N, C-alpha and C. Protein backbone atom coordinates (compact mmCIF):
# COMPACT_ATOMS: atom_id res chain seq x y z
N UNK A 1 11.40 15.33 -14.87
CA UNK A 1 11.76 14.37 -15.65
C UNK A 1 11.28 12.44 -15.49
N UNK A 2 10.79 12.77 -16.08
CA UNK A 2 10.25 11.23 -16.31
C UNK A 2 11.07 9.15 -17.00
N UNK A 3 11.81 8.96 -16.39
CA UNK A 3 12.27 7.61 -16.63
C UNK A 3 11.68 6.68 -16.69
N UNK A 4 11.76 5.32 -16.77
CA UNK A 4 11.56 3.85 -17.41
C UNK A 4 12.51 2.74 -16.94
N UNK A 5 12.23 2.13 -15.52
CA UNK A 5 13.14 1.45 -15.99
C UNK A 5 12.66 -0.08 -15.89
N UNK A 6 13.59 -1.13 -16.44
CA UNK A 6 13.01 -2.46 -16.48
C UNK A 6 14.30 -3.72 -16.37
N UNK A 7 14.41 -4.06 -14.99
CA UNK A 7 15.64 -4.52 -14.47
C UNK A 7 15.59 -5.23 -13.33
N UNK A 8 16.04 -5.62 -13.35
CA UNK A 8 16.83 -6.38 -11.45
C UNK A 8 17.41 -5.26 -10.13
N UNK A 9 17.66 -4.00 -10.72
CA UNK A 9 17.97 -2.76 -10.12
C UNK A 9 16.97 -2.48 -9.46
N UNK A 10 15.31 -2.45 -9.31
CA UNK A 10 14.46 -1.48 -9.23
C UNK A 10 14.67 -1.00 -7.91
N UNK A 11 15.18 -2.03 -6.68
CA UNK A 11 14.60 -1.73 -5.76
C UNK A 11 16.08 -0.42 -5.30
N UNK A 12 17.31 -0.61 -5.94
CA UNK A 12 18.63 -0.22 -5.30
C UNK A 12 18.16 1.48 -6.06
N UNK A 13 17.35 1.65 -7.75
CA UNK A 13 17.13 2.99 -7.67
C UNK A 13 15.66 3.80 -6.50
N UNK A 14 15.42 3.09 -6.15
CA UNK A 14 13.65 3.36 -4.83
C UNK A 14 14.28 3.91 -4.11
N UNK A 15 15.85 2.92 -3.56
CA UNK A 15 16.61 3.35 -2.60
C UNK A 15 17.50 4.93 -2.51
N UNK A 16 17.74 5.00 -4.30
CA UNK A 16 18.84 6.01 -4.70
C UNK A 16 17.66 7.57 -4.86
N UNK A 17 16.81 6.81 -4.80
CA UNK A 17 15.60 8.34 -4.93
C UNK A 17 15.42 8.80 -3.35
N UNK A 18 14.96 7.74 -2.39
CA UNK A 18 14.39 8.02 -1.44
C UNK A 18 15.91 8.64 -0.65
N UNK A 19 16.80 8.33 -0.43
CA UNK A 19 18.47 9.72 0.07
C UNK A 19 17.89 10.84 -0.12
N UNK A 20 17.76 10.79 -1.50
CA UNK A 20 17.38 12.23 -1.98
C UNK A 20 16.01 13.11 -1.50
N UNK A 21 15.06 12.89 -0.42
CA UNK A 21 13.69 12.97 -0.19
C UNK A 21 14.49 13.82 1.37
N UNK A 22 14.43 14.98 1.28
CA UNK A 22 14.29 16.49 2.76
C UNK A 22 13.39 16.96 3.53
N UNK A 23 11.59 16.00 3.10
CA UNK A 23 10.71 16.58 3.45
C UNK A 23 9.68 15.62 4.03
N UNK A 24 9.05 14.13 3.14
CA UNK A 24 8.24 13.27 3.41
C UNK A 24 8.53 12.55 2.79
N UNK A 25 8.73 11.10 3.22
CA UNK A 25 8.25 10.19 2.27
C UNK A 25 7.22 8.92 2.42
N UNK A 26 6.35 8.75 1.57
CA UNK A 26 5.02 8.32 1.96
C UNK A 26 5.22 6.97 0.56
N UNK A 27 4.96 5.60 1.30
CA UNK A 27 5.04 4.57 0.76
C UNK A 27 3.87 3.12 1.42
N UNK A 28 3.40 2.91 0.05
CA UNK A 28 2.04 1.80 0.01
C UNK A 28 2.81 1.17 -1.12
N UNK A 29 3.02 0.12 -0.13
CA UNK A 29 3.46 -1.02 -0.76
C UNK A 29 3.40 -2.45 0.01
N UNK A 30 2.86 -3.76 -0.42
CA UNK A 30 2.63 -4.54 0.10
C UNK A 30 2.93 -5.67 1.10
N UNK A 31 4.19 -5.65 0.79
CA UNK A 31 5.43 -6.08 1.89
C UNK A 31 6.77 -5.51 1.60
N UNK A 32 7.51 -5.16 2.68
CA UNK A 32 8.44 -4.84 3.39
C UNK A 32 9.21 -5.36 3.99
N UNK A 33 10.34 -6.01 3.27
CA UNK A 33 11.05 -6.82 4.43
C UNK A 33 12.51 -6.54 4.08
N UNK A 34 12.88 -5.44 3.54
CA UNK A 34 14.83 -5.08 2.82
C UNK A 34 14.81 -4.45 4.24
N UNK A 35 16.77 -4.59 4.77
CA UNK A 35 16.38 -3.81 6.05
C UNK A 35 18.11 -2.90 5.42
N UNK A 36 18.14 -2.79 4.66
CA UNK A 36 18.51 -1.59 3.86
C UNK A 36 17.37 -0.64 3.48
N UNK A 37 16.31 -0.75 3.53
CA UNK A 37 14.58 0.35 3.51
C UNK A 37 15.10 1.00 4.99
N UNK A 38 15.09 -0.25 5.54
CA UNK A 38 14.64 0.15 7.27
C UNK A 38 15.42 1.01 7.80
N UNK A 39 16.76 1.20 7.14
CA UNK A 39 18.13 1.63 7.65
C UNK A 39 17.74 2.57 7.28
N UNK A 40 17.15 2.48 6.40
CA UNK A 40 17.16 4.47 4.78
C UNK A 40 15.97 4.85 6.43
N UNK A 41 14.90 4.36 5.85
CA UNK A 41 14.16 5.05 6.57
C UNK A 41 14.65 5.06 8.43
N UNK A 42 14.92 4.53 9.11
CA UNK A 42 15.23 4.77 10.38
C UNK A 42 16.06 6.33 10.08
N UNK A 43 17.21 6.95 9.19
CA UNK A 43 17.93 7.15 9.03
C UNK A 43 17.25 8.85 9.16
N UNK A 44 16.34 8.37 8.20
CA UNK A 44 15.17 10.47 7.34
C UNK A 44 14.23 9.80 8.56
N UNK A 45 13.57 9.22 9.49
CA UNK A 45 12.57 9.78 10.82
C UNK A 45 13.99 10.49 11.92
N UNK A 46 14.53 9.65 11.40
CA UNK A 46 15.80 10.42 12.81
C UNK A 46 16.06 12.27 12.24
N UNK A 47 16.08 12.38 11.01
CA UNK A 47 16.50 13.70 10.65
C UNK A 47 15.37 14.22 10.14
N UNK A 48 14.44 14.24 11.05
CA UNK A 48 13.17 14.83 11.20
C UNK A 48 12.32 15.06 9.71
N UNK A 49 12.39 14.05 8.71
CA UNK A 49 11.64 13.79 7.68
C UNK A 49 10.56 13.20 8.11
N UNK A 50 8.46 13.38 7.28
CA UNK A 50 7.22 12.77 7.76
C UNK A 50 7.76 11.27 6.81
N UNK A 51 7.29 10.53 8.49
CA UNK A 51 7.34 8.84 6.99
C UNK A 51 5.99 8.32 7.25
N UNK A 52 5.58 7.85 5.99
CA UNK A 52 4.21 7.64 5.88
C UNK A 52 4.18 5.88 5.32
N UNK A 53 3.60 4.82 6.31
CA UNK A 53 4.43 3.24 5.52
C UNK A 53 2.53 2.73 5.46
N UNK A 54 1.97 2.79 4.11
CA UNK A 54 0.74 1.69 3.53
C UNK A 54 0.99 0.70 3.78
N UNK A 55 0.86 -0.29 4.26
CA UNK A 55 0.95 -1.55 3.30
C UNK A 55 0.32 -2.11 5.00
N UNK A 56 0.46 -4.20 4.86
CA UNK A 56 -0.78 -5.01 5.16
C UNK A 56 -0.25 -5.42 6.83
N UNK A 57 -1.53 -5.80 7.77
CA UNK A 57 -1.39 -6.36 9.07
C UNK A 57 -0.07 -7.29 8.77
N UNK A 58 0.59 -7.37 10.28
CA UNK A 58 1.69 -7.82 10.76
C UNK A 58 1.32 -9.92 10.44
N UNK A 59 0.27 -10.76 10.32
CA UNK A 59 -0.27 -11.93 10.02
C UNK A 59 0.31 -11.68 8.85
N UNK A 60 0.22 -10.74 7.84
CA UNK A 60 0.45 -11.10 6.15
C UNK A 60 2.02 -11.41 6.00
N UNK A 61 3.18 -11.66 7.11
CA UNK A 61 4.19 -11.42 6.66
C UNK A 61 4.18 -12.96 6.47
N UNK A 62 5.31 -13.01 5.59
CA UNK A 62 6.32 -14.40 5.69
C UNK A 62 6.48 -15.46 6.63
N UNK A 63 6.19 -16.31 8.07
CA UNK A 63 6.52 -16.43 8.26
C UNK A 63 8.42 -16.05 9.18
N UNK A 64 8.63 -17.23 7.83
CA UNK A 64 10.06 -17.52 8.14
C UNK A 64 11.09 -16.03 8.00
N UNK A 65 9.89 -14.62 8.02
CA UNK A 65 10.82 -13.29 8.17
C UNK A 65 9.99 -12.21 9.10
N UNK A 66 8.99 -12.79 9.62
CA UNK A 66 8.02 -12.33 10.17
C UNK A 66 8.54 -11.66 11.47
N UNK A 67 9.18 -12.68 12.85
CA UNK A 67 9.72 -11.92 13.85
C UNK A 67 10.58 -10.67 13.61
N UNK A 68 11.75 -10.96 12.17
CA UNK A 68 12.32 -9.55 12.04
C UNK A 68 12.10 -7.73 11.85
N UNK A 69 11.17 -8.64 10.76
CA UNK A 69 9.97 -7.56 9.89
C UNK A 69 9.57 -6.54 10.98
N UNK A 70 9.24 -7.36 11.56
CA UNK A 70 7.90 -7.13 12.78
C UNK A 70 8.97 -6.00 14.05
N UNK A 71 9.88 -6.30 13.98
CA UNK A 71 11.22 -5.69 15.16
C UNK A 71 11.27 -4.69 14.47
N UNK A 72 11.64 -4.55 13.44
CA UNK A 72 11.59 -4.08 12.33
C UNK A 72 10.80 -2.61 12.33
N UNK A 73 9.94 -3.04 11.55
CA UNK A 73 8.61 -1.75 11.71
C UNK A 73 7.98 -1.34 13.02
N UNK A 74 8.55 -1.90 14.30
CA UNK A 74 8.18 -1.88 15.36
C UNK A 74 9.09 -0.27 15.68
N UNK A 75 10.18 -0.89 15.29
CA UNK A 75 11.17 0.46 16.30
C UNK A 75 10.65 1.26 14.94
N UNK A 76 10.88 1.19 13.82
CA UNK A 76 10.63 2.52 13.43
C UNK A 76 9.48 3.30 13.41
N UNK A 77 8.33 2.54 14.24
CA UNK A 77 7.38 3.34 14.35
C UNK A 77 7.58 3.59 15.78
N UNK A 78 8.59 3.96 16.52
CA UNK A 78 8.62 3.96 17.50
C UNK A 78 9.16 5.25 17.68
N UNK A 79 10.68 5.91 16.82
CA UNK A 79 10.85 6.70 15.84
C UNK A 79 10.14 7.99 15.60
N UNK A 80 8.58 7.00 15.86
CA UNK A 80 8.31 8.25 15.05
C UNK A 80 7.62 8.44 13.96
N UNK A 81 7.94 6.94 12.96
CA UNK A 81 7.67 6.66 11.02
C UNK A 81 5.86 6.24 12.09
N UNK A 82 4.55 7.05 10.37
CA UNK A 82 3.22 6.44 10.66
C UNK A 82 3.45 5.40 9.58
N UNK A 83 2.43 4.38 10.46
CA UNK A 83 3.05 2.99 10.11
C UNK A 83 0.79 2.85 9.93
N UNK A 84 0.48 2.69 8.32
CA UNK A 84 -0.19 2.31 8.95
C UNK A 84 -1.11 1.16 7.87
N UNK A 85 -1.80 -0.16 8.86
CA UNK A 85 -2.10 -0.53 7.95
C UNK A 85 -3.76 -0.91 7.93
N UNK A 86 -3.78 -1.95 6.63
CA UNK A 86 -4.39 -2.10 5.51
C UNK A 86 -5.58 -3.31 6.45
N UNK A 87 -6.52 -3.35 7.23
CA UNK A 87 -7.09 -4.85 7.61
C UNK A 87 -7.52 -4.84 6.21
N UNK A 88 -8.43 -4.33 5.36
CA UNK A 88 -9.70 -5.20 4.07
C UNK A 88 -9.66 -6.35 3.28
N UNK A 89 -9.99 -6.80 3.02
CA UNK A 89 -9.65 -8.03 2.71
C UNK A 89 -10.80 -7.90 1.06
N UNK A 90 -10.73 -7.60 0.16
CA UNK A 90 -11.25 -7.93 -1.07
C UNK A 90 -11.49 -9.00 -1.85
N UNK A 91 -12.93 -9.39 -2.65
CA UNK A 91 -12.94 -10.71 -2.85
C UNK A 91 -13.94 -11.98 -2.45
N UNK A 92 -13.81 -13.12 -3.14
CA UNK A 92 -13.43 -14.04 -2.71
C UNK A 92 -13.30 -15.48 -3.07
N UNK A 93 -12.70 -15.50 -1.59
CA UNK A 93 -11.38 -16.67 -2.07
C UNK A 93 -12.20 -18.30 -1.59
N UNK A 94 -13.17 -18.18 -2.03
CA UNK A 94 -13.52 -19.38 -2.85
C UNK A 94 -14.01 -20.06 -3.69
N UNK A 95 -13.14 -19.25 -4.91
CA UNK A 95 -13.65 -18.95 -6.26
C UNK A 95 -11.66 -19.63 -6.11
N UNK A 96 -10.88 -19.73 -5.63
CA UNK A 96 -9.75 -20.05 -5.90
C UNK A 96 -8.96 -21.14 -4.68
N UNK A 97 -8.04 -21.08 -4.84
CA UNK A 97 -7.24 -22.77 -4.31
C UNK A 97 -6.26 -22.46 -3.12
N UNK A 98 -5.84 -21.14 -3.20
CA UNK A 98 -5.21 -20.88 -2.89
C UNK A 98 -5.11 -20.20 -1.77
N UNK A 99 -7.05 -20.45 -0.97
CA UNK A 99 -6.67 -19.43 0.84
C UNK A 99 -6.39 -20.61 1.19
N UNK A 100 -5.54 -20.17 2.03
CA UNK A 100 -5.43 -20.55 3.81
C UNK A 100 -5.50 -20.04 4.70
N UNK A 101 -7.21 -19.07 5.25
CA UNK A 101 -7.00 -18.79 6.18
C UNK A 101 -6.27 -17.29 5.65
N UNK A 102 -5.93 -16.62 5.52
CA UNK A 102 -5.60 -15.32 4.81
C UNK A 102 -5.65 -14.66 3.84
N UNK A 103 -6.21 -13.46 3.46
CA UNK A 103 -6.87 -13.50 2.46
C UNK A 103 -6.54 -11.89 1.57
N UNK A 104 -5.07 -11.20 2.36
CA UNK A 104 -5.25 -9.87 2.20
C UNK A 104 -4.90 -9.46 0.61
N UNK A 105 -5.99 -8.28 0.28
CA UNK A 105 -5.92 -7.92 -0.74
C UNK A 105 -4.83 -6.86 -1.44
N UNK A 106 -4.78 -6.58 -0.76
CA UNK A 106 -4.19 -5.08 -1.18
C UNK A 106 -2.66 -5.97 -2.24
N UNK A 107 -2.00 -5.13 -3.03
CA UNK A 107 -0.95 -5.53 -3.79
C UNK A 107 0.02 -3.95 -4.17
N UNK A 108 -0.49 -3.19 -4.09
CA UNK A 108 0.18 -1.55 -4.86
C UNK A 108 0.72 -1.45 -4.16
N UNK A 109 1.63 -0.76 -5.04
CA UNK A 109 3.78 -0.02 -4.50
C UNK A 109 3.44 0.82 -5.45
N UNK A 110 3.47 2.09 -4.82
CA UNK A 110 4.02 3.47 -4.84
C UNK A 110 4.55 4.04 -3.91
N UNK A 111 5.25 5.15 -4.52
CA UNK A 111 6.46 6.16 -3.68
C UNK A 111 5.80 7.19 -3.84
N UNK A 112 5.55 8.18 -3.21
CA UNK A 112 5.87 10.00 -3.24
C UNK A 112 6.95 10.03 -2.40
N UNK A 113 7.83 11.34 -2.52
CA UNK A 113 8.23 12.35 -1.97
C UNK A 113 8.11 13.41 -1.87
N UNK A 114 8.99 14.67 -1.67
CA UNK A 114 9.03 15.86 -2.23
C UNK A 114 9.90 16.32 -2.70
N UNK A 115 10.23 14.76 -3.61
CA UNK A 115 11.17 15.17 -4.36
C UNK A 115 11.07 14.63 -5.49
N UNK A 116 9.82 13.30 -6.01
CA UNK A 116 9.15 12.31 -7.06
C UNK A 116 8.51 11.59 -6.67
N UNK A 117 7.88 11.76 -7.58
CA UNK A 117 6.58 10.34 -7.52
C UNK A 117 6.98 8.87 -8.48
N UNK A 118 6.78 7.60 -7.71
CA UNK A 118 7.44 6.51 -8.07
C UNK A 118 6.91 5.85 -8.10
N UNK A 119 6.44 4.60 -9.27
CA UNK A 119 5.68 4.00 -8.96
C UNK A 119 6.46 2.33 -9.43
N UNK A 120 6.23 1.20 -9.40
CA UNK A 120 6.76 0.38 -9.49
C UNK A 120 6.41 -1.40 -8.82
N UNK A 121 6.82 -2.25 -10.00
CA UNK A 121 6.14 -3.70 -9.93
C UNK A 121 6.70 -4.25 -8.93
N UNK A 122 7.87 -3.79 -7.82
CA UNK A 122 8.52 -4.61 -7.26
C UNK A 122 8.46 -4.48 -5.56
N UNK A 123 8.39 -5.64 -4.91
CA UNK A 123 8.02 -5.89 -3.53
C UNK A 123 9.24 -5.66 -2.80
N UNK A 124 9.71 -5.04 -1.03
CA UNK A 124 10.44 -5.44 -0.41
C UNK A 124 11.64 -5.74 0.59
N UNK A 125 11.94 -7.22 -0.97
CA UNK A 125 11.65 -8.30 -0.15
C UNK A 125 13.72 -8.57 -1.01
N UNK A 126 14.58 -9.70 -0.09
CA UNK A 126 15.77 -10.24 -0.79
C UNK A 126 15.77 -10.61 -1.88
N UNK A 127 14.78 -11.06 -2.81
CA UNK A 127 14.32 -11.56 -3.45
C UNK A 127 15.06 -10.69 -4.41
N UNK A 128 15.94 -10.96 -5.89
CA UNK A 128 16.68 -10.25 -6.63
C UNK A 128 15.54 -10.94 -8.09
N UNK A 129 14.49 -9.92 -8.35
CA UNK A 129 13.38 -10.80 -9.21
C UNK A 129 13.75 -9.13 -10.31
N UNK A 130 12.83 -9.34 -11.83
CA UNK A 130 13.32 -8.77 -12.82
C UNK A 130 11.72 -8.12 -12.69
N UNK A 131 11.76 -6.79 -12.48
CA UNK A 131 10.49 -5.46 -12.06
C UNK A 131 10.26 -4.23 -12.04
N UNK A 132 9.90 -3.70 -12.66
CA UNK A 132 9.87 -2.19 -13.95
C UNK A 132 9.35 -0.98 -12.25
N UNK A 133 9.84 -0.05 -12.88
CA UNK A 133 10.00 1.71 -12.69
C UNK A 133 9.18 2.33 -13.56
N UNK A 134 8.92 3.28 -12.49
CA UNK A 134 8.69 5.13 -13.92
C UNK A 134 8.83 5.96 -11.94
N UNK A 135 10.20 6.78 -12.42
CA UNK A 135 10.18 7.18 -11.44
C UNK A 135 10.28 9.39 -12.48
N UNK A 136 9.54 9.91 -11.74
CA UNK A 136 8.75 11.07 -12.09
C UNK A 136 9.51 12.30 -10.98
N UNK A 137 11.08 12.67 -11.50
CA UNK A 137 11.85 13.56 -10.26
C UNK A 137 10.62 15.51 -10.21
N UNK A 138 10.90 16.09 -9.66
CA UNK A 138 10.92 17.62 -9.88
C UNK A 138 10.03 17.71 -11.15
N UNK A 139 8.44 16.98 -10.66
CA UNK A 139 7.28 17.58 -11.66
C UNK A 139 6.19 17.32 -10.25
N UNK A 140 5.37 18.89 -9.82
CA UNK A 140 5.10 19.02 -8.54
C UNK A 140 4.09 18.59 -8.62
N UNK A 141 2.72 19.25 -9.93
CA UNK A 141 1.65 18.06 -10.46
C UNK A 141 1.38 16.84 -10.29
N UNK A 142 2.29 16.08 -10.05
CA UNK A 142 2.88 14.41 -10.15
C UNK A 142 2.78 14.28 -8.64
N UNK A 143 3.29 14.83 -7.71
CA UNK A 143 3.97 14.97 -6.96
C UNK A 143 2.94 15.57 -5.49
N UNK A 144 2.20 16.11 -6.74
CA UNK A 144 0.57 16.71 -5.49
C UNK A 144 0.04 14.83 -5.72
N UNK A 145 -0.72 14.65 -6.99
CA UNK A 145 -0.99 13.32 -7.66
C UNK A 145 -1.35 12.22 -6.48
N UNK A 146 -0.42 12.12 -6.73
CA UNK A 146 0.52 11.13 -6.11
C UNK A 146 0.33 10.44 -4.89
N UNK A 147 0.22 12.28 -3.99
CA UNK A 147 -0.29 12.82 -2.57
C UNK A 147 -1.48 12.06 -2.17
N UNK A 148 -2.57 12.30 -2.79
CA UNK A 148 -3.31 12.44 -2.90
C UNK A 148 -4.22 10.73 -2.73
N UNK A 149 -3.03 10.33 -3.80
CA UNK A 149 -3.94 8.79 -3.96
C UNK A 149 -3.50 8.25 -2.91
N UNK A 150 -2.53 8.85 -1.69
CA UNK A 150 -1.96 8.15 -0.65
C UNK A 150 -2.85 8.25 0.56
N UNK A 151 -3.02 9.62 0.26
CA UNK A 151 -4.23 9.62 1.28
C UNK A 151 -5.63 9.50 1.07
N UNK A 152 -5.32 9.55 0.25
CA UNK A 152 -7.65 8.63 -0.29
C UNK A 152 -6.75 6.91 0.16
N UNK A 153 -6.21 6.73 0.43
CA UNK A 153 -6.19 5.11 0.83
C UNK A 153 -5.88 5.02 1.91
N UNK A 154 -6.23 5.93 2.52
CA UNK A 154 -5.72 6.77 4.28
C UNK A 154 -7.41 6.39 4.49
N UNK A 155 -8.00 7.79 3.64
CA UNK A 155 -9.38 8.24 3.80
C UNK A 155 -10.62 7.57 3.92
N UNK A 156 -10.36 5.64 3.18
CA UNK A 156 -10.90 5.59 2.20
C UNK A 156 -11.26 3.40 3.26
N UNK A 157 -9.82 3.51 3.50
CA UNK A 157 -9.35 2.09 4.19
C UNK A 157 -8.76 1.66 6.12
N UNK A 158 -8.35 3.27 6.44
CA UNK A 158 -7.62 3.37 7.59
C UNK A 158 -8.24 4.11 8.68
N UNK A 159 -8.28 5.45 8.07
CA UNK A 159 -8.89 5.75 9.40
C UNK A 159 -9.94 5.72 10.34
N UNK A 160 -9.97 5.47 11.46
CA UNK A 160 -11.34 5.33 11.82
C UNK A 160 -12.52 6.19 11.26
N UNK A 161 -14.03 5.70 11.04
CA UNK A 161 -15.26 5.87 10.02
C UNK A 161 -16.98 5.40 11.41
N UNK A 162 -17.15 5.62 11.68
CA UNK A 162 -17.91 4.58 12.69
C UNK A 162 -17.56 3.51 13.50
N UNK A 163 -17.13 3.19 14.30
CA UNK A 163 -16.45 2.42 14.31
C UNK A 163 -15.42 1.41 13.60
N UNK A 164 -15.75 1.65 12.21
CA UNK A 164 -14.90 0.87 11.11
C UNK A 164 -13.41 1.56 10.59
N UNK A 165 -13.04 0.38 10.04
CA UNK A 165 -11.36 1.20 9.77
C UNK A 165 -12.07 1.79 8.22
N UNK A 166 -12.00 2.88 8.14
CA UNK A 166 -11.84 4.17 6.75
C UNK A 166 -13.49 4.03 6.07
N UNK A 167 -13.95 4.58 5.07
CA UNK A 167 -15.21 5.04 5.15
C UNK A 167 -15.69 3.82 4.00
N UNK A 168 -14.96 2.98 3.39
CA UNK A 168 -15.82 2.31 2.73
C UNK A 168 -16.17 1.78 2.23
N UNK A 169 -16.47 1.01 3.70
CA UNK A 169 -18.03 0.22 4.15
C UNK A 169 -19.26 1.22 4.33
N UNK A 170 -18.86 2.84 5.00
CA UNK A 170 -20.01 3.31 4.18
C UNK A 170 -20.19 3.54 2.56
N UNK A 171 -19.38 4.07 1.89
CA UNK A 171 -19.51 4.34 0.75
C UNK A 171 -20.66 3.05 0.40
N UNK A 172 -19.97 2.16 0.55
CA UNK A 172 -20.80 0.49 -0.09
C UNK A 172 -22.26 0.49 0.77
N UNK A 173 -22.44 1.32 1.61
CA UNK A 173 -23.62 0.91 2.59
C UNK A 173 -24.77 1.42 1.60
N UNK A 174 -24.30 3.19 1.87
CA UNK A 174 -24.93 4.15 1.07
C UNK A 174 -25.27 3.59 -0.69
N UNK A 175 -24.77 2.83 -1.76
CA UNK A 175 -24.99 2.68 -2.09
C UNK A 175 -26.42 1.87 -2.62
N UNK A 176 -27.10 1.26 -1.98
CA UNK A 176 -28.10 0.27 -1.35
C UNK A 176 -28.35 -0.27 -2.01
N UNK A 177 -27.45 -1.27 -2.69
CA UNK A 177 -27.50 -2.43 -3.23
C UNK A 177 -28.70 -3.28 -2.35
N UNK A 178 -28.72 -4.12 -2.97
CA UNK A 178 -30.05 -5.36 -2.17
C UNK A 178 -28.66 -6.28 -1.91
N UNK A 179 -29.43 -6.49 -1.19
CA UNK A 179 -28.78 -7.95 -0.49
C UNK A 179 -27.29 -7.16 0.52
N UNK A 180 -26.76 -6.37 0.85
CA UNK A 180 -25.92 -5.17 1.58
C UNK A 180 -24.84 -6.21 2.66
N UNK A 181 -26.12 -7.16 3.27
CA UNK A 181 -25.81 -7.19 4.09
C UNK A 181 -24.44 -8.95 4.28
N UNK A 182 -24.62 -9.61 2.47
CA UNK A 182 -23.93 -10.25 1.77
C UNK A 182 -22.66 -9.75 1.20
N UNK A 183 -22.73 -8.34 1.51
CA UNK A 183 -21.18 -7.79 0.77
C UNK A 183 -19.96 -7.88 1.74
N UNK A 184 -20.42 -8.19 3.15
CA UNK A 184 -19.32 -8.12 4.15
C UNK A 184 -19.77 -9.76 4.65
N UNK A 185 -20.17 -10.27 4.01
CA UNK A 185 -19.83 -11.54 4.85
C UNK A 185 -18.77 -12.19 4.65
N UNK A 186 -18.39 -12.56 6.04
CA UNK A 186 -16.32 -13.62 5.76
C UNK A 186 -17.23 -14.71 5.08
N UNK A 187 -15.78 -14.96 4.39
CA UNK A 187 -16.29 -16.68 3.51
C UNK A 187 -15.77 -17.75 4.39
N UNK A 188 -16.53 -19.12 3.93
CA UNK A 188 -16.24 -19.77 4.26
C UNK A 188 -14.88 -20.57 4.98
N UNK A 189 -14.62 -20.06 3.85
CA UNK A 189 -12.47 -20.99 3.75
C UNK A 189 -11.95 -20.09 4.34
N UNK A 190 -12.31 -18.78 4.97
CA UNK A 190 -11.48 -17.70 6.12
C UNK A 190 -11.60 -18.63 7.32
N UNK A 191 -10.47 -19.01 8.37
CA UNK A 191 -10.24 -20.00 9.85
C UNK A 191 -10.53 -18.90 10.88
N UNK A 192 -10.61 -18.04 10.43
CA UNK A 192 -10.25 -16.60 11.02
C UNK A 192 -11.52 -15.86 11.67
N UNK A 193 -12.05 -15.53 12.64
CA UNK A 193 -13.10 -14.15 12.76
C UNK A 193 -12.09 -13.13 12.99
N UNK A 194 -10.64 -13.14 12.86
CA UNK A 194 -9.74 -11.62 13.13
C UNK A 194 -10.08 -11.01 11.31
N UNK A 195 -10.70 -11.28 10.68
CA UNK A 195 -11.85 -10.19 9.21
C UNK A 195 -12.83 -10.14 9.25
N UNK A 196 -13.93 -10.48 10.21
CA UNK A 196 -14.87 -10.46 10.21
C UNK A 196 -15.83 -8.98 10.64
N UNK A 197 -14.73 -7.70 10.24
CA UNK A 197 -15.38 -6.58 10.55
C UNK A 197 -14.27 -5.79 8.77
N UNK A 198 -13.63 -6.72 8.53
CA UNK A 198 -13.02 -5.99 7.63
C UNK A 198 -12.53 -7.21 5.87
N UNK A 199 -13.95 -7.22 5.91
CA UNK A 199 -14.19 -7.94 4.85
C UNK A 199 -15.26 -7.45 3.93
N UNK A 200 -14.99 -7.22 1.94
CA UNK A 200 -15.95 -6.89 1.39
C UNK A 200 -15.76 -8.60 0.62
N UNK A 201 -16.42 -8.71 -0.04
CA UNK A 201 -16.87 -9.96 -1.38
C UNK A 201 -16.67 -9.09 -2.60
N UNK A 202 -17.38 -7.70 -2.86
CA UNK A 202 -16.58 -7.13 -3.66
C UNK A 202 -17.85 -5.53 -4.13
N UNK A 203 -16.83 -4.91 -4.49
CA UNK A 203 -17.88 -3.75 -5.03
C UNK A 203 -18.83 -2.97 -5.56
N UNK A 204 -19.63 -2.77 -6.02
CA UNK A 204 -20.44 -2.14 -5.42
C UNK A 204 -20.33 -1.46 -7.49
N UNK A 205 -20.34 -1.25 -8.25
CA UNK A 205 -20.98 -0.69 -9.34
C UNK A 205 -20.68 0.86 -9.34
N UNK A 206 -21.95 0.99 -8.64
CA UNK A 206 -21.97 2.49 -8.90
C UNK A 206 -21.78 2.93 -7.50
N UNK A 207 -20.44 2.42 -7.08
CA UNK A 207 -18.83 3.37 -6.37
C UNK A 207 -18.18 3.17 -6.88
N UNK A 208 -18.00 2.89 -8.02
CA UNK A 208 -16.80 2.72 -9.13
C UNK A 208 -17.02 4.10 -10.03
N UNK A 209 -16.53 5.18 -9.98
CA UNK A 209 -16.50 6.74 -11.23
C UNK A 209 -16.59 5.67 -12.79
N UNK A 210 -16.59 6.71 -13.00
CA UNK A 210 -16.64 6.46 -14.77
C UNK A 210 -15.89 7.26 -15.07
N UNK A 211 -15.19 8.60 -14.32
CA UNK A 211 -14.90 9.79 -14.85
C UNK A 211 -13.09 9.51 -14.76
N UNK A 212 -12.62 8.15 -15.41
CA UNK A 212 -10.98 8.36 -15.33
C UNK A 212 -10.27 8.98 -16.51
N UNK A 213 -9.57 9.86 -15.77
CA UNK A 213 -8.21 10.66 -16.41
C UNK A 213 -7.36 9.74 -17.22
N UNK A 214 -7.39 9.99 -18.58
CA UNK A 214 -6.00 9.20 -19.38
C UNK A 214 -5.12 10.07 -19.33
N UNK A 215 -3.45 10.11 -18.82
CA UNK A 215 -2.32 10.80 -18.72
C UNK A 215 -1.74 9.95 -18.94
N UNK A 216 -0.86 10.18 -20.44
CA UNK A 216 0.02 9.77 -21.05
C UNK A 216 1.47 10.20 -20.89
N UNK A 217 2.15 9.89 -20.44
CA UNK A 217 3.61 9.75 -20.11
C UNK A 217 4.55 9.99 -20.35
N UNK A 218 5.25 11.05 -21.22
CA UNK A 218 6.26 10.77 -22.27
C UNK A 218 8.12 10.07 -20.69
N UNK A 219 7.62 9.13 -21.27
CA UNK A 219 9.37 9.39 -20.67
C UNK A 219 10.61 8.93 -21.67
N UNK A 220 11.80 8.47 -20.37
CA UNK A 220 12.69 8.04 -21.07
C UNK A 220 12.63 6.95 -20.65
N UNK A 221 13.80 5.98 -21.43
CA UNK A 221 14.43 4.42 -20.80
C UNK A 221 16.06 5.10 -20.06
């Protein structure tokens, strides 16, 4: 079953779907600030579910909530959840005025459990905003596909390869484009060396697949 919703209740819908999970929960999201989600995930990990979260490093968290959020993430990790932090930055912040020393580029948002595959526009914050969500339940092909995409993120950007996070750096080097060292050069407007080994100015076109499958999903409102 496939459903689409556009409302201010998207996060509540996600929590409802996560409650149904019995084996695993994989969350890929820009930010998690919501205590209700942390409470649910702690309950699920205590019940023996495998919990994986792909998100940004701690210094990306808004300072107003950072202490509380970091404590909740640490507690969840201590209970046995797998926390995967994407340290890579992609792009050139020198082309904008919004860079203030940090520039995390991952803003993806999707979730997969043993019961459902979910794509959404919402972050898990306390802001009551208008967002969209697509929920696909009890369709194994979509659950498998979302699971593969999650594992692909870990392989590309997190799991250690030759002293670096993920295999994305190796893939770019193997593209053999000219001036390869400039692709990994830290932009001048970034005022910390924290990201020295985790910056990609741009993706070479040769590593971007031209074989993109288009799948139209009939959904219910």
